[in-house]
Protein backbone atom coordinates (compact mmCIF):
# COMPACT_ATOMS: atom_id res chain seq x y z
CA GLY A 1 -6.74 11.88 -0.80
CA TYR A 2 -7.21 8.10 -0.27
CA ASP A 3 -7.31 5.99 2.81
CA VAL A 4 -6.15 2.78 1.09
CA ALA A 5 -5.04 1.06 4.33
CA PRO A 6 -7.63 2.30 6.87
CA ARG A 7 -6.28 0.08 9.68
CA SER A 8 -2.66 1.21 9.26
CA HIS A 9 -0.70 3.13 11.91
CA PRO A 10 2.33 5.31 11.03
CA ASN A 11 4.46 4.08 13.96
CA ASP A 12 3.68 0.40 14.36
CA GLY A 13 6.71 -0.97 12.37
CA ARG A 14 4.40 -2.72 9.84
CA ILE A 15 3.87 -2.24 6.13
CA ASP A 16 0.15 -2.35 5.15
CA ILE A 17 -0.44 -4.00 1.80
CA VAL A 18 -3.70 -4.16 -0.08
CA HIS A 19 -3.97 -7.05 -2.56
CA VAL A 20 -6.41 -6.76 -5.46
CA ALA A 21 -7.65 -10.07 -6.93
CA PRO A 22 -6.94 -10.27 -10.67
CA THR A 23 -10.53 -11.49 -11.13
CA MET A 24 -11.96 -8.19 -9.73
CA THR A 25 -14.14 -6.55 -12.41
CA ALA A 26 -13.56 -3.13 -13.75
CA ARG A 27 -16.77 -1.93 -12.24
CA ALA A 28 -15.90 -3.28 -8.78
CA ARG A 29 -12.46 -1.66 -9.07
CA ALA A 30 -14.10 1.73 -9.83
CA GLN A 31 -16.46 1.34 -6.90
CA ALA A 32 -13.63 0.38 -4.54
CA ARG A 33 -11.53 3.35 -5.69
CA THR A 34 -14.39 5.68 -4.93
CA ARG A 35 -14.86 4.15 -1.52
CA ALA A 36 -11.12 4.20 -0.78
CA ARG A 37 -11.39 8.00 -0.30
CA THR A 38 -13.00 7.28 3.13
CA GLY A 39 -11.42 3.83 3.80
CA THR A 40 -14.74 2.09 3.43
CA HIS A 41 -13.62 -0.21 0.53
CA LEU A 42 -12.63 -2.80 3.09
CA PRO A 43 -13.74 -5.47 3.74
CA HIS A 44 -14.35 -6.63 0.14
CA PRO A 45 -14.19 -10.20 -1.22
CA ASP A 46 -11.73 -9.15 -3.99
CA LEU A 47 -9.49 -7.06 -1.63
CA ARG A 48 -7.21 -8.45 0.96
CA ALA A 49 -5.33 -6.31 3.47
CA THR A 50 -2.15 -7.70 5.12
CA GLN A 51 0.60 -6.36 7.40
CA THR A 52 4.28 -7.29 7.54
CA ALA A 53 7.58 -5.88 8.75
CA SER A 54 9.32 -6.56 5.44
CA THR A 55 8.42 -7.44 1.89
CA THR A 56 9.93 -7.88 -1.58
CA ALA A 57 7.97 -7.11 -4.77
CA ARG A 58 9.03 -8.15 -8.30
CA PHE A 59 7.55 -6.61 -11.39
CA CYS A 60 7.23 -7.88 -14.96
CA SER A 61 8.59 -4.60 -16.32
CA PRO A 62 10.32 -1.57 -14.83
CA LEU A 63 8.04 0.38 -12.47
CA VAL A 64 8.49 3.92 -11.14
CA VAL A 65 8.69 4.02 -7.37
CA TRP A 66 7.31 7.04 -5.55
CA VAL A 67 8.12 7.77 -1.95
CA ASP A 68 6.09 10.43 -0.08
CA GLY A 69 5.06 11.98 -3.47
CA VAL A 70 8.59 12.08 -4.87
CA ARG A 71 9.73 10.02 -7.80
CA TRP A 72 12.51 8.00 -6.25
CA ALA A 73 13.56 5.24 -8.70
CA THR A 74 12.64 2.90 -11.56
CA THR A 75 13.10 -0.75 -10.76
CA GLU A 76 11.84 -4.33 -11.44
CA CYS A 77 12.39 -5.43 -7.81
CA ILE A 78 12.12 -3.63 -4.52
CA THR A 79 12.55 -4.64 -0.91
CA VAL A 80 10.89 -2.60 1.83
CA THR A 81 11.54 -2.94 5.50
CA CYS A 82 9.75 -0.92 8.19
CA GLU A 83 11.24 -0.26 11.66
CA PRO A 84 9.15 1.14 14.54
CA ASP A 85 10.37 4.28 16.24
CA ALA A 86 13.31 4.58 13.79
CA LEU A 87 13.08 8.46 13.82
CA THR A 88 12.74 10.78 16.68
CA ILE A 89 12.09 14.50 16.03
CA PHE A 90 12.68 17.19 18.65
CA ALA A 91 11.11 20.58 18.04
């Protein structure tokens, strides 16, 4: 129900990441969350959107990882790599 990365494309081979500044106030976070439903939360001075083909994230404590709405794993570190046109479906 959210358009968190409004400039993303499902087949471009890039991962879209939205960084939230730790200084962002609770009120501004609530407003951005409401606006994220339509993708109008960007641009915002406390939010930064980046794109990359691969990224690694490390967490202070174990975090549950969800993939396409399915609980996938619990980890403290994850590396994600995106490849364009990696899947072809014939109907």
